[in-house]
Amino acid sequence: MESNDIPEANIAWVLCNVLEEITERLWLRYDKDFIRLASQQEEEDIRAGEKGNEMDPDLLAQDDF
């Protein structure tokens, strides 16, 4: 590592630690909300995938075998 990279690496290290602390605090406060939102998103993704399969004749043909 070159000496001119050290300040940049130091800033990156501090930012990484700050982001980790913020993430932990957010999870402590909103854990149930985050889980609910993730579940809703997963259900929407599943429904979107099912609709996509219904609309794609090639995928329907593969499901028959």
N, C-alpha and C. Protein backbone atom coordinates (compact mmCIF):
# COMPACT_ATOMS: atom_id res chain seq x y z
N MET A 1 0.86 -1.17 0.00
CA MET A 1 0.00 0.00 0.00
C MET A 1 0.90 1.23 0.00
N GLU A 2 0.59 2.15 -0.86
CA GLU A 2 1.38 3.37 -0.92
C GLU A 2 0.97 4.31 0.20
N SER A 3 1.89 5.18 0.57
CA SER A 3 1.61 6.09 1.70
C SER A 3 0.46 7.04 1.39
N ASN A 4 0.21 7.36 0.13
CA ASN A 4 -0.90 8.26 -0.19
C ASN A 4 -2.25 7.54 -0.13
N ASP A 5 -2.26 6.20 -0.05
CA ASP A 5 -3.50 5.44 0.08
C ASP A 5 -3.96 5.31 1.53
N ILE A 6 -3.08 5.56 2.47
CA ILE A 6 -3.41 5.36 3.88
C ILE A 6 -4.56 6.27 4.33
N PRO A 7 -4.58 7.55 4.02
CA PRO A 7 -5.73 8.37 4.44
C PRO A 7 -7.05 7.86 3.86
N GLU A 8 -7.03 7.42 2.62
CA GLU A 8 -8.25 6.90 2.00
C GLU A 8 -8.69 5.61 2.69
N ALA A 9 -7.75 4.75 2.99
CA ALA A 9 -8.07 3.50 3.69
C ALA A 9 -8.59 3.80 5.09
N ASN A 10 -8.05 4.80 5.74
CA ASN A 10 -8.51 5.18 7.07
C ASN A 10 -9.95 5.67 7.02
N ILE A 11 -10.27 6.48 6.04
CA ILE A 11 -11.65 6.96 5.87
C ILE A 11 -12.59 5.79 5.59
N ALA A 12 -12.16 4.88 4.73
CA ALA A 12 -12.98 3.71 4.42
C ALA A 12 -13.22 2.87 5.66
N TRP A 13 -12.21 2.71 6.50
CA TRP A 13 -12.33 1.94 7.74
C TRP A 13 -13.34 2.60 8.68
N VAL A 14 -13.24 3.90 8.83
CA VAL A 14 -14.17 4.63 9.71
C VAL A 14 -15.60 4.51 9.17
N LEU A 15 -15.78 4.69 7.87
CA LEU A 15 -17.12 4.57 7.27
C LEU A 15 -17.69 3.17 7.46
N CYS A 16 -16.87 2.17 7.27
CA CYS A 16 -17.32 0.79 7.45
C CYS A 16 -17.82 0.57 8.88
N ASN A 17 -17.08 1.06 9.85
CA ASN A 17 -17.48 0.91 11.26
C ASN A 17 -18.75 1.70 11.58
N VAL A 18 -18.88 2.89 11.01
CA VAL A 18 -20.08 3.69 11.23
C VAL A 18 -21.29 3.00 10.63
N LEU A 19 -21.15 2.48 9.41
CA LEU A 19 -22.26 1.78 8.76
C LEU A 19 -22.67 0.53 9.55
N GLU A 20 -21.69 -0.16 10.08
CA GLU A 20 -22.00 -1.34 10.88
C GLU A 20 -22.79 -0.96 12.14
N GLU A 21 -22.40 0.11 12.79
CA GLU A 21 -23.09 0.58 14.00
C GLU A 21 -24.51 1.04 13.66
N ILE A 22 -24.66 1.77 12.57
CA ILE A 22 -25.99 2.23 12.16
C ILE A 22 -26.89 1.03 11.83
N THR A 23 -26.34 0.06 11.11
CA THR A 23 -27.12 -1.12 10.75
C THR A 23 -27.60 -1.85 12.00
N GLU A 24 -26.72 -2.02 12.96
CA GLU A 24 -27.09 -2.70 14.20
C GLU A 24 -28.19 -1.95 14.94
N ARG A 25 -28.06 -0.65 15.02
CA ARG A 25 -29.08 0.15 15.71
C ARG A 25 -30.42 0.11 14.98
N LEU A 26 -30.40 0.16 13.66
CA LEU A 26 -31.64 0.07 12.89
C LEU A 26 -32.32 -1.27 13.10
N TRP A 27 -31.54 -2.37 13.09
CA TRP A 27 -32.12 -3.69 13.32
C TRP A 27 -32.72 -3.79 14.72
N LEU A 28 -32.06 -3.21 15.70
CA LEU A 28 -32.59 -3.25 17.06
C LEU A 28 -33.93 -2.52 17.15
N ARG A 29 -34.06 -1.45 16.42
CA ARG A 29 -35.28 -0.65 16.49
C ARG A 29 -36.40 -1.18 15.59
N TYR A 30 -36.05 -1.63 14.39
CA TYR A 30 -37.06 -1.95 13.38
C TYR A 30 -37.07 -3.42 12.96
N ASP A 31 -36.55 -4.31 13.78
CA ASP A 31 -36.40 -5.70 13.36
C ASP A 31 -37.71 -6.32 12.88
N LYS A 32 -38.79 -6.14 13.61
CA LYS A 32 -40.07 -6.73 13.20
C LYS A 32 -40.58 -6.12 11.90
N ASP A 33 -40.40 -4.81 11.75
CA ASP A 33 -40.82 -4.14 10.52
C ASP A 33 -39.99 -4.63 9.33
N PHE A 34 -38.68 -4.79 9.52
CA PHE A 34 -37.81 -5.27 8.45
C PHE A 34 -38.22 -6.67 8.01
N ILE A 35 -38.51 -7.52 8.98
CA ILE A 35 -38.90 -8.90 8.67
C ILE A 35 -40.22 -8.91 7.91
N ARG A 36 -41.17 -8.09 8.35
CA ARG A 36 -42.46 -8.01 7.67
C ARG A 36 -42.29 -7.53 6.23
N LEU A 37 -41.48 -6.48 6.05
CA LEU A 37 -41.24 -5.95 4.70
C LEU A 37 -40.55 -6.99 3.81
N ALA A 38 -39.59 -7.71 4.35
CA ALA A 38 -38.90 -8.73 3.57
C ALA A 38 -39.87 -9.85 3.18
N SER A 39 -40.75 -10.23 4.08
CA SER A 39 -41.74 -11.27 3.78
C SER A 39 -42.70 -10.81 2.69
N GLN A 40 -43.14 -9.56 2.78
CA GLN A 40 -44.04 -9.02 1.77
C GLN A 40 -43.35 -8.99 0.41
N GLN A 41 -42.09 -8.57 0.39
CA GLN A 41 -41.35 -8.51 -0.87
C GLN A 41 -41.18 -9.90 -1.46
N GLU A 42 -40.89 -10.87 -0.60
CA GLU A 42 -40.72 -12.25 -1.08
C GLU A 42 -42.02 -12.78 -1.67
N GLU A 43 -43.14 -12.50 -1.02
CA GLU A 43 -44.44 -12.93 -1.55
C GLU A 43 -44.72 -12.29 -2.90
N GLU A 44 -44.41 -11.00 -3.03
CA GLU A 44 -44.61 -10.30 -4.30
C GLU A 44 -43.71 -10.90 -5.38
N ASP A 45 -42.48 -11.22 -5.04
CA ASP A 45 -41.57 -11.83 -6.01
C ASP A 45 -42.07 -13.19 -6.45
N ILE A 46 -42.60 -13.97 -5.50
CA ILE A 46 -43.13 -15.29 -5.84
C ILE A 46 -44.32 -15.14 -6.78
N ARG A 47 -45.23 -14.21 -6.44
CA ARG A 47 -46.40 -13.98 -7.31
C ARG A 47 -45.97 -13.52 -8.69
N ALA A 48 -45.00 -12.64 -8.76
CA ALA A 48 -44.51 -12.15 -10.06
C ALA A 48 -43.90 -13.30 -10.85
N GLY A 49 -43.18 -14.21 -10.19
CA GLY A 49 -42.60 -15.36 -10.86
C GLY A 49 -43.67 -16.30 -11.37
N GLU A 50 -44.75 -16.48 -10.60
CA GLU A 50 -45.84 -17.35 -11.04
C GLU A 50 -46.54 -16.75 -12.24
N LYS A 51 -46.74 -15.45 -12.23
CA LYS A 51 -47.36 -14.80 -13.39
C LYS A 51 -46.47 -14.92 -14.60
N GLY A 52 -45.16 -14.78 -14.39
CA GLY A 52 -44.23 -14.91 -15.50
C GLY A 52 -44.28 -16.29 -16.10
N ASN A 53 -44.40 -17.31 -15.26
CA ASN A 53 -44.49 -18.69 -15.76
C ASN A 53 -45.77 -18.91 -16.53
N GLU A 54 -46.86 -18.32 -16.08
CA GLU A 54 -48.14 -18.46 -16.77
C GLU A 54 -48.09 -17.83 -18.16
N MET A 55 -47.30 -16.78 -18.31
CA MET A 55 -47.27 -16.06 -19.57
C MET A 55 -46.24 -16.63 -20.54
N ASP A 56 -45.31 -17.46 -20.09
CA ASP A 56 -44.25 -17.99 -20.94
C ASP A 56 -44.60 -19.41 -21.38
N PRO A 57 -45.00 -19.60 -22.64
CA PRO A 57 -45.42 -20.93 -23.10
C PRO A 57 -44.30 -21.96 -23.01
N ASP A 58 -43.04 -21.54 -23.16
CA ASP A 58 -41.93 -22.49 -23.06
C ASP A 58 -41.81 -23.06 -21.65
N LEU A 59 -42.01 -22.21 -20.66
CA LEU A 59 -41.94 -22.69 -19.28
C LEU A 59 -43.11 -23.60 -18.96
N LEU A 60 -44.28 -23.31 -19.52
CA LEU A 60 -45.43 -24.18 -19.30
C LEU A 60 -45.18 -25.55 -19.89
N ALA A 61 -44.58 -25.60 -21.06
CA ALA A 61 -44.30 -26.88 -21.71
C ALA A 61 -43.31 -27.68 -20.88
N GLN A 62 -42.33 -27.03 -20.26
CA GLN A 62 -41.34 -27.73 -19.43
C GLN A 62 -41.99 -28.29 -18.18
N ASP A 63 -42.96 -27.58 -17.62
CA ASP A 63 -43.61 -28.04 -16.40
C ASP A 63 -44.43 -29.29 -16.64
N ASP A 64 -44.86 -29.52 -17.87
CA ASP A 64 -45.70 -30.68 -18.17
C ASP A 64 -44.92 -31.99 -18.12
N PHE A 65 -43.60 -31.93 -18.21
CA PHE A 65 -42.80 -33.16 -18.27
C PHE A 65 -42.35 -33.55 -16.93
